[in-house]
Each structure stands twice: as C-alpha cells, then as structure tokens.
Amino acid sequence: MSTLTMEESRPINAFHPDDGSYTAYPTSTVHVQIKGLQIPPPPEGWDVCVHVGLTRHEAEHAEIGIMSVTKVGLGPDLTFDPWETAAYGQILGFTVGAYARHGAVRGWWLWQLWKT
C-alpha cells in the first residue's frame, strides 16, 4: 500500500500582449527541485507524481505542460516534446512551461511524494 508523505502545489502564469509581436516558446517556466529525498531509494522505495493543469485561458493559444524531469540514475533530464500533463517515477526535479500567444494563461503544478 502506498502512503502520501509530502506534496507541494503552486500556480504558473504566462502573458503575451496582443500587439502582433513574436512571443518566445515557452513564455514562462519554473524549475522545481524536490528536496529531502533519500538517494539511493530505500528498499521499500518512493515515487513522485507530477501533474499540471490549465485553469484560465484568455489567449489566442495557450499551453501548460511538463517540459522535462530529472530521475534517479538516468543522467541528463528527460525532455518531453510535446509537453506532458503528468509524470511518474523516482523524480528528483522537473520543469514546467506555460505559453500564451496574444493573451494570458493561468495554470498550476503539483508534485506528491508517495512511500511505496
């Protein structure tokens, strides 16, 4: 049986003026490093679940997603293209991106640490 031991959630926002200018992709990013994880994982183990969501969309085009994750023992970050809405495993950190073209977008990210 798995037990939830820790979690954290925060908003992410992106804005681009409706003036016809070019916008970078992604418009906004946040990198999260999960602290306090036992490395290497103990025999009973642990898993991290990461989720993102789009809560408000007032843009011509908007996206929010997990751009990359850092996992135990896998070397460089795993990059997702297209962005993912969820990631699971022995995740040490992750990067979330938000993109808005001609408007604004608001979303959220959440990670949970589960003892397995």
Protein backbone atom coordinates (compact mmCIF):
# COMPACT_ATOMS: atom_id res chain seq x y z
CA MET A 1 0.00 0.00 0.00
CA SER A 2 1.29 3.49 -0.88
CA THR A 3 1.27 6.37 1.59
CA LEU A 4 1.29 10.05 0.66
CA THR A 5 4.12 11.66 2.66
CA MET A 6 4.61 15.12 1.11
CA GLU A 7 3.14 17.39 -1.56
CA GLU A 8 3.53 20.90 -2.97
CA SER A 9 1.48 22.93 -5.43
CA ARG A 10 1.92 26.39 -6.97
CA PRO A 11 0.40 28.49 -9.76
CA ILE A 12 2.14 29.34 -13.04
CA ASN A 13 1.16 32.27 -15.25
CA ALA A 14 2.10 33.44 -18.73
CA PHE A 15 1.20 36.63 -20.59
CA HIS A 16 1.80 37.96 -24.09
CA PRO A 17 0.45 41.35 -25.27
CA ASP A 18 -1.96 41.40 -28.19
CA ASP A 19 0.22 43.77 -30.21
CA GLY A 20 1.24 41.43 -33.04
CA SER A 21 4.75 40.85 -31.65
CA TYR A 22 6.50 37.50 -31.59
CA THR A 23 6.48 35.51 -28.34
CA ALA A 24 9.05 33.01 -27.13
CA TYR A 25 8.06 29.38 -26.55
CA PRO A 26 7.56 28.82 -23.63
CA THR A 27 6.51 32.24 -22.35
CA SER A 28 7.19 31.27 -18.72
CA THR A 29 9.00 28.40 -16.98
CA VAL A 30 9.50 27.19 -13.43
CA HIS A 31 12.07 24.60 -12.31
CA VAL A 32 11.27 22.62 -9.17
CA GLN A 33 13.88 20.65 -7.21
CA ILE A 34 12.33 18.20 -4.74
CA LYS A 35 14.33 18.29 -1.51
CA GLY A 36 14.66 15.65 1.21
CA LEU A 37 14.54 12.55 -1.00
CA GLN A 38 16.62 9.57 0.09
CA ILE A 39 19.24 8.69 -2.56
CA PRO A 40 19.63 5.87 -3.36
CA PRO A 41 16.00 4.99 -2.69
CA PRO A 42 15.45 2.62 0.25
CA PRO A 43 14.27 -0.96 -0.44
CA GLU A 44 10.66 -0.02 0.34
CA GLY A 45 11.07 2.77 -2.22
CA TRP A 46 9.33 6.03 -3.10
CA ASP A 47 7.70 7.53 -6.16
CA VAL A 48 6.91 11.09 -7.14
CA CYS A 49 3.82 12.04 -9.16
CA VAL A 50 3.84 15.36 -11.02
CA HIS A 51 0.70 16.89 -12.53
CA VAL A 52 -0.11 20.18 -14.28
CA GLY A 53 -3.37 21.83 -15.26
CA LEU A 54 -4.76 24.80 -17.16
CA THR A 55 -7.19 26.82 -15.04
CA ARG A 56 -7.81 30.00 -17.03
CA HIS A 57 -7.31 30.71 -20.71
CA GLU A 58 -7.73 34.16 -22.24
CA ALA A 59 -5.34 33.83 -25.14
CA GLU A 60 -5.41 33.04 -28.84
CA HIS A 61 -3.33 29.95 -27.99
CA ALA A 62 -2.29 28.59 -24.59
CA GLU A 63 -0.41 25.56 -23.25
CA ILE A 64 0.88 24.32 -19.91
CA GLY A 65 2.93 21.16 -19.51
CA ILE A 66 5.85 19.30 -18.03
CA MET A 67 8.85 20.09 -20.24
CA SER A 68 11.39 17.79 -18.56
CA VAL A 69 12.11 15.66 -15.50
CA THR A 70 15.27 14.56 -13.69
CA LYS A 71 15.07 10.97 -12.48
CA VAL A 72 17.32 8.88 -10.23
CA GLY A 73 20.14 7.23 -12.17
CA LEU A 74 19.18 8.43 -15.65
CA GLY A 75 21.81 11.13 -16.16
CA PRO A 76 20.54 14.16 -18.11
CA ASP A 77 16.96 15.37 -17.91
CA LEU A 78 14.30 13.56 -19.92
CA THR A 79 12.75 16.14 -22.25
CA PHE A 80 9.15 15.81 -23.43
CA ASP A 81 8.09 17.05 -26.85
CA PRO A 82 5.16 17.58 -26.84
CA TRP A 83 4.89 18.55 -23.19
CA GLU A 84 3.29 16.06 -20.79
CA THR A 85 0.47 16.66 -18.30
CA ALA A 86 1.69 14.01 -15.84
CA ALA A 87 4.94 12.22 -14.96
CA TYR A 88 5.64 9.39 -12.50
CA GLY A 89 8.65 7.62 -11.00
CA GLN A 90 11.70 8.43 -8.92
CA ILE A 91 11.72 12.08 -9.97
CA LEU A 92 14.20 14.47 -8.34
CA GLY A 93 13.10 17.64 -10.16
CA PHE A 94 11.07 18.90 -13.10
CA THR A 95 10.49 21.92 -15.33
CA VAL A 96 7.01 23.21 -16.15
CA GLY A 97 6.35 25.55 -19.06
CA ALA A 98 3.46 27.86 -19.82
CA TYR A 99 2.81 29.50 -23.18
CA ALA A 100 0.38 32.25 -24.15
CA ARG A 101 0.03 33.92 -27.53
CA HIS A 102 -1.92 37.18 -27.62
CA GLY A 103 -3.37 36.96 -24.12
CA ALA A 104 -2.92 35.34 -20.73
CA VAL A 105 -2.98 31.85 -19.26
CA ARG A 106 -3.02 30.63 -15.68
CA GLY A 107 -2.33 27.12 -14.52
CA TRP A 108 -0.89 25.06 -11.70
CA TRP A 109 1.66 22.36 -10.96
CA LEU A 110 1.59 19.76 -8.18
CA TRP A 111 4.02 17.11 -7.01
CA GLN A 112 3.33 14.35 -4.50
CA LEU A 113 5.82 12.04 -2.77
CA TRP A 114 4.49 8.54 -2.19
CA LYS A 115 6.17 5.91 0.01
CA THR A 116 5.68 2.58 -1.77
